[in-house]
Amino acid sequence: MHLPAINPLTAGAVILATAATDAVYVRFTSAVVVHRRIGAANWSGLWYLLSSFAVISYTNNWIYVIFAALGSWIGAFMSLTFMHPSPRVPVGSAPD
């Protein structure tokens, strides 16, 4: 079995892009949970911009999916590690 060539710079960029994507996704989910419409919309737009880099980078070479998965794990882990808990919002109230 022959593995495709890996460009270390592209692999690193895919890891960073998917880590950032997952960190933004965690922030998006947090904004949705507390019903922050503007925050959720902003995070969602940024989420799609970041994810497009990873998708474009690894569609020509399947091996980059592994780097994308690694970056995804790192992003979610780091985001939850450094995210401060938000105050509870009563059900039915809309903060924005």
N, C-alpha and C. Protein backbone atom coordinates (compact mmCIF):
# COMPACT_ATOMS: atom_id res chain seq x y z
N MET A 1 0.85 -1.19 0.00
CA MET A 1 0.00 0.00 0.00
C MET A 1 0.89 1.24 0.00
N HIS A 2 0.58 2.13 -0.89
CA HIS A 2 1.35 3.36 -1.03
C HIS A 2 0.58 4.52 -0.41
N LEU A 3 1.19 5.19 0.56
CA LEU A 3 0.56 6.36 1.18
C LEU A 3 0.86 7.60 0.36
N PRO A 4 -0.12 8.49 0.24
CA PRO A 4 0.12 9.73 -0.49
C PRO A 4 1.18 10.58 0.21
N ALA A 5 1.83 11.44 -0.53
CA ALA A 5 2.83 12.35 0.05
C ALA A 5 2.15 13.34 0.98
N ILE A 6 2.82 13.68 2.05
CA ILE A 6 2.29 14.62 3.03
C ILE A 6 3.19 15.85 3.05
N ASN A 7 2.58 17.00 2.87
CA ASN A 7 3.28 18.26 3.01
C ASN A 7 3.15 18.68 4.47
N PRO A 8 4.24 18.74 5.23
CA PRO A 8 4.15 19.07 6.66
C PRO A 8 3.49 20.42 6.93
N LEU A 9 3.73 21.39 6.07
CA LEU A 9 3.12 22.71 6.25
C LEU A 9 1.60 22.63 6.09
N THR A 10 1.15 21.91 5.07
CA THR A 10 -0.30 21.73 4.87
C THR A 10 -0.91 20.94 6.02
N ALA A 11 -0.22 19.89 6.46
CA ALA A 11 -0.72 19.09 7.58
C ALA A 11 -0.87 19.95 8.83
N GLY A 12 0.13 20.77 9.11
CA GLY A 12 0.05 21.67 10.27
C GLY A 12 -1.06 22.69 10.13
N ALA A 13 -1.21 23.23 8.94
CA ALA A 13 -2.28 24.21 8.70
C ALA A 13 -3.66 23.57 8.87
N VAL A 14 -3.81 22.32 8.42
CA VAL A 14 -5.09 21.63 8.58
C VAL A 14 -5.36 21.39 10.07
N ILE A 15 -4.35 21.00 10.83
CA ILE A 15 -4.53 20.81 12.28
C ILE A 15 -4.97 22.12 12.92
N LEU A 16 -4.28 23.21 12.61
CA LEU A 16 -4.64 24.51 13.19
C LEU A 16 -6.04 24.95 12.77
N ALA A 17 -6.37 24.76 11.50
CA ALA A 17 -7.69 25.19 11.02
C ALA A 17 -8.80 24.39 11.68
N THR A 18 -8.62 23.09 11.81
CA THR A 18 -9.69 22.30 12.44
C THR A 18 -9.73 22.51 13.95
N ALA A 19 -8.57 22.78 14.57
CA ALA A 19 -8.58 23.11 16.01
C ALA A 19 -9.36 24.40 16.23
N ALA A 20 -9.08 25.40 15.40
CA ALA A 20 -9.80 26.67 15.51
C ALA A 20 -11.28 26.48 15.20
N THR A 21 -11.58 25.64 14.21
CA THR A 21 -12.97 25.38 13.85
C THR A 21 -13.73 24.77 15.02
N ASP A 22 -13.13 23.79 15.67
CA ASP A 22 -13.82 23.16 16.79
C ASP A 22 -13.94 24.09 17.99
N ALA A 23 -12.92 24.90 18.22
CA ALA A 23 -13.01 25.87 19.31
C ALA A 23 -14.16 26.85 19.04
N VAL A 24 -14.28 27.30 17.80
CA VAL A 24 -15.38 28.20 17.44
C VAL A 24 -16.72 27.48 17.55
N TYR A 25 -16.76 26.21 17.17
CA TYR A 25 -18.00 25.44 17.27
C TYR A 25 -18.45 25.32 18.73
N VAL A 26 -17.51 25.13 19.64
CA VAL A 26 -17.86 25.07 21.06
C VAL A 26 -18.45 26.39 21.51
N ARG A 27 -17.85 27.49 21.06
CA ARG A 27 -18.38 28.83 21.42
C ARG A 27 -19.77 29.05 20.80
N PHE A 28 -19.95 28.58 19.56
CA PHE A 28 -21.25 28.66 18.90
C PHE A 28 -22.31 27.91 19.71
N THR A 29 -21.98 26.69 20.09
CA THR A 29 -22.93 25.87 20.86
C THR A 29 -23.26 26.53 22.18
N SER A 30 -22.26 27.10 22.83
CA SER A 30 -22.48 27.80 24.09
C SER A 30 -23.44 28.98 23.90
N ALA A 31 -23.25 29.73 22.82
CA ALA A 31 -24.14 30.87 22.55
C ALA A 31 -25.56 30.40 22.26
N VAL A 32 -25.71 29.27 21.57
CA VAL A 32 -27.04 28.74 21.28
C VAL A 32 -27.73 28.31 22.57
N VAL A 33 -27.00 27.65 23.45
CA VAL A 33 -27.58 27.15 24.70
C VAL A 33 -28.15 28.30 25.54
N VAL A 34 -27.46 29.43 25.56
CA VAL A 34 -27.93 30.56 26.35
C VAL A 34 -28.76 31.55 25.52
N HIS A 35 -29.14 31.13 24.32
CA HIS A 35 -30.02 31.91 23.44
C HIS A 35 -29.47 33.29 23.09
N ARG A 36 -28.21 33.35 22.78
CA ARG A 36 -27.59 34.60 22.32
C ARG A 36 -27.56 34.56 20.80
N ARG A 37 -28.57 35.16 20.19
CA ARG A 37 -28.74 35.07 18.74
C ARG A 37 -27.60 35.69 17.96
N ILE A 38 -27.20 36.89 18.33
CA ILE A 38 -26.13 37.57 17.59
C ILE A 38 -24.81 36.83 17.78
N GLY A 39 -24.51 36.45 19.00
CA GLY A 39 -23.29 35.68 19.26
C GLY A 39 -23.27 34.37 18.49
N ALA A 40 -24.39 33.65 18.51
CA ALA A 40 -24.47 32.37 17.79
C ALA A 40 -24.29 32.59 16.29
N ALA A 41 -24.91 33.62 15.75
CA ALA A 41 -24.79 33.90 14.32
C ALA A 41 -23.35 34.26 13.95
N ASN A 42 -22.69 35.07 14.78
CA ASN A 42 -21.30 35.44 14.52
C ASN A 42 -20.38 34.22 14.57
N TRP A 43 -20.53 33.41 15.61
CA TRP A 43 -19.70 32.20 15.74
C TRP A 43 -19.97 31.25 14.58
N SER A 44 -21.21 31.14 14.16
CA SER A 44 -21.56 30.23 13.07
C SER A 44 -20.87 30.65 11.77
N GLY A 45 -20.89 31.94 11.47
CA GLY A 45 -20.23 32.43 10.26
C GLY A 45 -18.74 32.16 10.28
N LEU A 46 -18.11 32.40 11.42
CA LEU A 46 -16.68 32.16 11.55
C LEU A 46 -16.37 30.66 11.45
N TRP A 47 -17.26 29.84 12.01
CA TRP A 47 -17.11 28.38 11.96
C TRP A 47 -17.03 27.91 10.50
N TYR A 48 -17.92 28.39 9.66
CA TYR A 48 -17.91 27.97 8.26
C TYR A 48 -16.72 28.50 7.49
N LEU A 49 -16.27 29.70 7.79
CA LEU A 49 -15.08 30.23 7.13
C LEU A 49 -13.85 29.38 7.45
N LEU A 50 -13.69 29.03 8.71
CA LEU A 50 -12.53 28.22 9.11
C LEU A 50 -12.60 26.80 8.56
N SER A 51 -13.78 26.21 8.58
CA SER A 51 -13.90 24.82 8.12
C SER A 51 -13.62 24.70 6.62
N SER A 52 -13.86 25.75 5.88
CA SER A 52 -13.63 25.67 4.44
C SER A 52 -12.16 25.44 4.11
N PHE A 53 -11.24 26.01 4.89
CA PHE A 53 -9.82 25.79 4.63
C PHE A 53 -9.47 24.31 4.75
N ALA A 54 -9.92 23.69 5.82
CA ALA A 54 -9.60 22.27 6.03
C ALA A 54 -10.21 21.42 4.93
N VAL A 55 -11.44 21.69 4.57
CA VAL A 55 -12.10 20.90 3.53
C VAL A 55 -11.36 21.04 2.20
N ILE A 56 -11.02 22.25 1.83
CA ILE A 56 -10.32 22.49 0.57
C ILE A 56 -8.93 21.83 0.60
N SER A 57 -8.27 21.88 1.75
CA SER A 57 -6.93 21.33 1.85
C SER A 57 -6.90 19.81 1.72
N TYR A 58 -7.85 19.12 2.34
CA TYR A 58 -7.74 17.67 2.33
C TYR A 58 -8.61 16.96 1.30
N THR A 59 -9.37 17.67 0.50
CA THR A 59 -10.17 16.99 -0.52
C THR A 59 -9.31 16.40 -1.63
N ASN A 60 -8.14 16.95 -1.86
CA ASN A 60 -7.26 16.40 -2.88
C ASN A 60 -6.37 15.28 -2.36
N ASN A 61 -6.34 15.08 -1.05
CA ASN A 61 -5.49 14.05 -0.46
C ASN A 61 -6.16 13.55 0.82
N TRP A 62 -6.68 12.35 0.79
CA TRP A 62 -7.45 11.81 1.92
C TRP A 62 -6.66 11.74 3.21
N ILE A 63 -5.35 11.68 3.15
CA ILE A 63 -4.55 11.53 4.36
C ILE A 63 -4.71 12.74 5.29
N TYR A 64 -5.07 13.90 4.74
CA TYR A 64 -5.25 15.09 5.58
C TYR A 64 -6.49 15.00 6.47
N VAL A 65 -7.37 14.06 6.20
CA VAL A 65 -8.52 13.85 7.08
C VAL A 65 -8.03 13.48 8.48
N ILE A 66 -6.95 12.73 8.55
CA ILE A 66 -6.38 12.35 9.85
C ILE A 66 -5.91 13.60 10.60
N PHE A 67 -5.27 14.52 9.91
CA PHE A 67 -4.82 15.76 10.54
C PHE A 67 -6.02 16.63 10.93
N ALA A 68 -7.07 16.61 10.12
CA ALA A 68 -8.28 17.36 10.45
C ALA A 68 -8.92 16.81 11.71
N ALA A 69 -8.96 15.48 11.84
CA ALA A 69 -9.53 14.86 13.04
C ALA A 69 -8.71 15.21 14.28
N LEU A 70 -7.40 15.20 14.14
CA LEU A 70 -6.53 15.57 15.25
C LEU A 70 -6.76 17.03 15.66
N GLY A 71 -6.83 17.91 14.69
CA GLY A 71 -7.10 19.31 14.99
C GLY A 71 -8.46 19.51 15.63
N SER A 72 -9.44 18.76 15.18
CA SER A 72 -10.78 18.84 15.75
C SER A 72 -10.75 18.46 17.23
N TRP A 73 -10.06 17.40 17.55
CA TRP A 73 -9.96 16.95 18.94
C TRP A 73 -9.27 18.02 19.79
N ILE A 74 -8.16 18.54 19.28
CA ILE A 74 -7.41 19.57 20.01
C ILE A 74 -8.28 20.81 20.25
N GLY A 75 -9.00 21.25 19.22
CA GLY A 75 -9.83 22.44 19.34
C GLY A 75 -10.92 22.29 20.38
N ALA A 76 -11.61 21.17 20.37
CA ALA A 76 -12.68 20.95 21.36
C ALA A 76 -12.10 20.85 22.76
N PHE A 77 -11.01 20.13 22.91
CA PHE A 77 -10.39 19.96 24.23
C PHE A 77 -9.91 21.29 24.78
N MET A 78 -9.19 22.05 23.97
CA MET A 78 -8.64 23.33 24.44
C MET A 78 -9.74 24.35 24.70
N SER A 79 -10.75 24.36 23.88
CA SER A 79 -11.84 25.31 24.07
C SER A 79 -12.54 25.06 25.39
N LEU A 80 -12.84 23.81 25.69
CA LEU A 80 -13.50 23.50 26.95
C LEU A 80 -12.57 23.69 28.14
N THR A 81 -11.27 23.52 27.93
CA THR A 81 -10.31 23.73 29.01
C THR A 81 -10.25 25.19 29.42
N PHE A 82 -10.28 26.10 28.44
CA PHE A 82 -10.10 27.51 28.74
C PHE A 82 -11.39 28.33 28.76
N MET A 83 -12.53 27.73 28.45
CA MET A 83 -13.79 28.46 28.43
C MET A 83 -14.31 28.64 29.86
N HIS A 84 -14.63 29.84 30.18
CA HIS A 84 -15.20 30.12 31.49
C HIS A 84 -16.69 29.81 31.45
N PRO A 85 -17.23 29.25 32.53
CA PRO A 85 -18.67 28.96 32.52
C PRO A 85 -19.48 30.26 32.40
N SER A 86 -20.52 30.19 31.60
CA SER A 86 -21.38 31.38 31.44
C SER A 86 -22.49 31.31 32.48
N PRO A 87 -23.04 32.48 32.83
CA PRO A 87 -24.13 32.47 33.80
C PRO A 87 -25.36 31.77 33.23
N ARG A 88 -26.12 31.16 34.08
CA ARG A 88 -27.35 30.48 33.67
C ARG A 88 -28.40 31.52 33.27
N VAL A 89 -29.10 31.23 32.18
CA VAL A 89 -30.16 32.10 31.71
C VAL A 89 -31.48 31.37 31.94
N PRO A 90 -32.43 32.01 32.63
CA PRO A 90 -33.71 31.33 32.85
C PRO A 90 -34.40 30.98 31.54
N VAL A 91 -35.08 29.86 31.54
CA VAL A 91 -35.82 29.41 30.34
C VAL A 91 -36.87 30.44 29.98
N GLY A 92 -36.94 30.77 28.70
CA GLY A 92 -37.94 31.74 28.24
C GLY A 92 -37.41 33.16 28.12
N SER A 93 -36.23 33.42 28.65
CA SER A 93 -35.69 34.78 28.52
C SER A 93 -34.72 34.83 27.35
N ALA A 94 -34.61 35.97 26.73
CA ALA A 94 -33.72 36.13 25.58
C ALA A 94 -32.73 37.25 25.90
N PRO A 95 -31.45 36.92 26.13
CA PRO A 95 -30.49 37.95 26.49
C PRO A 95 -30.20 39.00 25.45
N ASP A 96 -30.40 38.69 24.11
CA ASP A 96 -30.07 39.77 23.20
C ASP A 96 -31.28 40.48 22.74
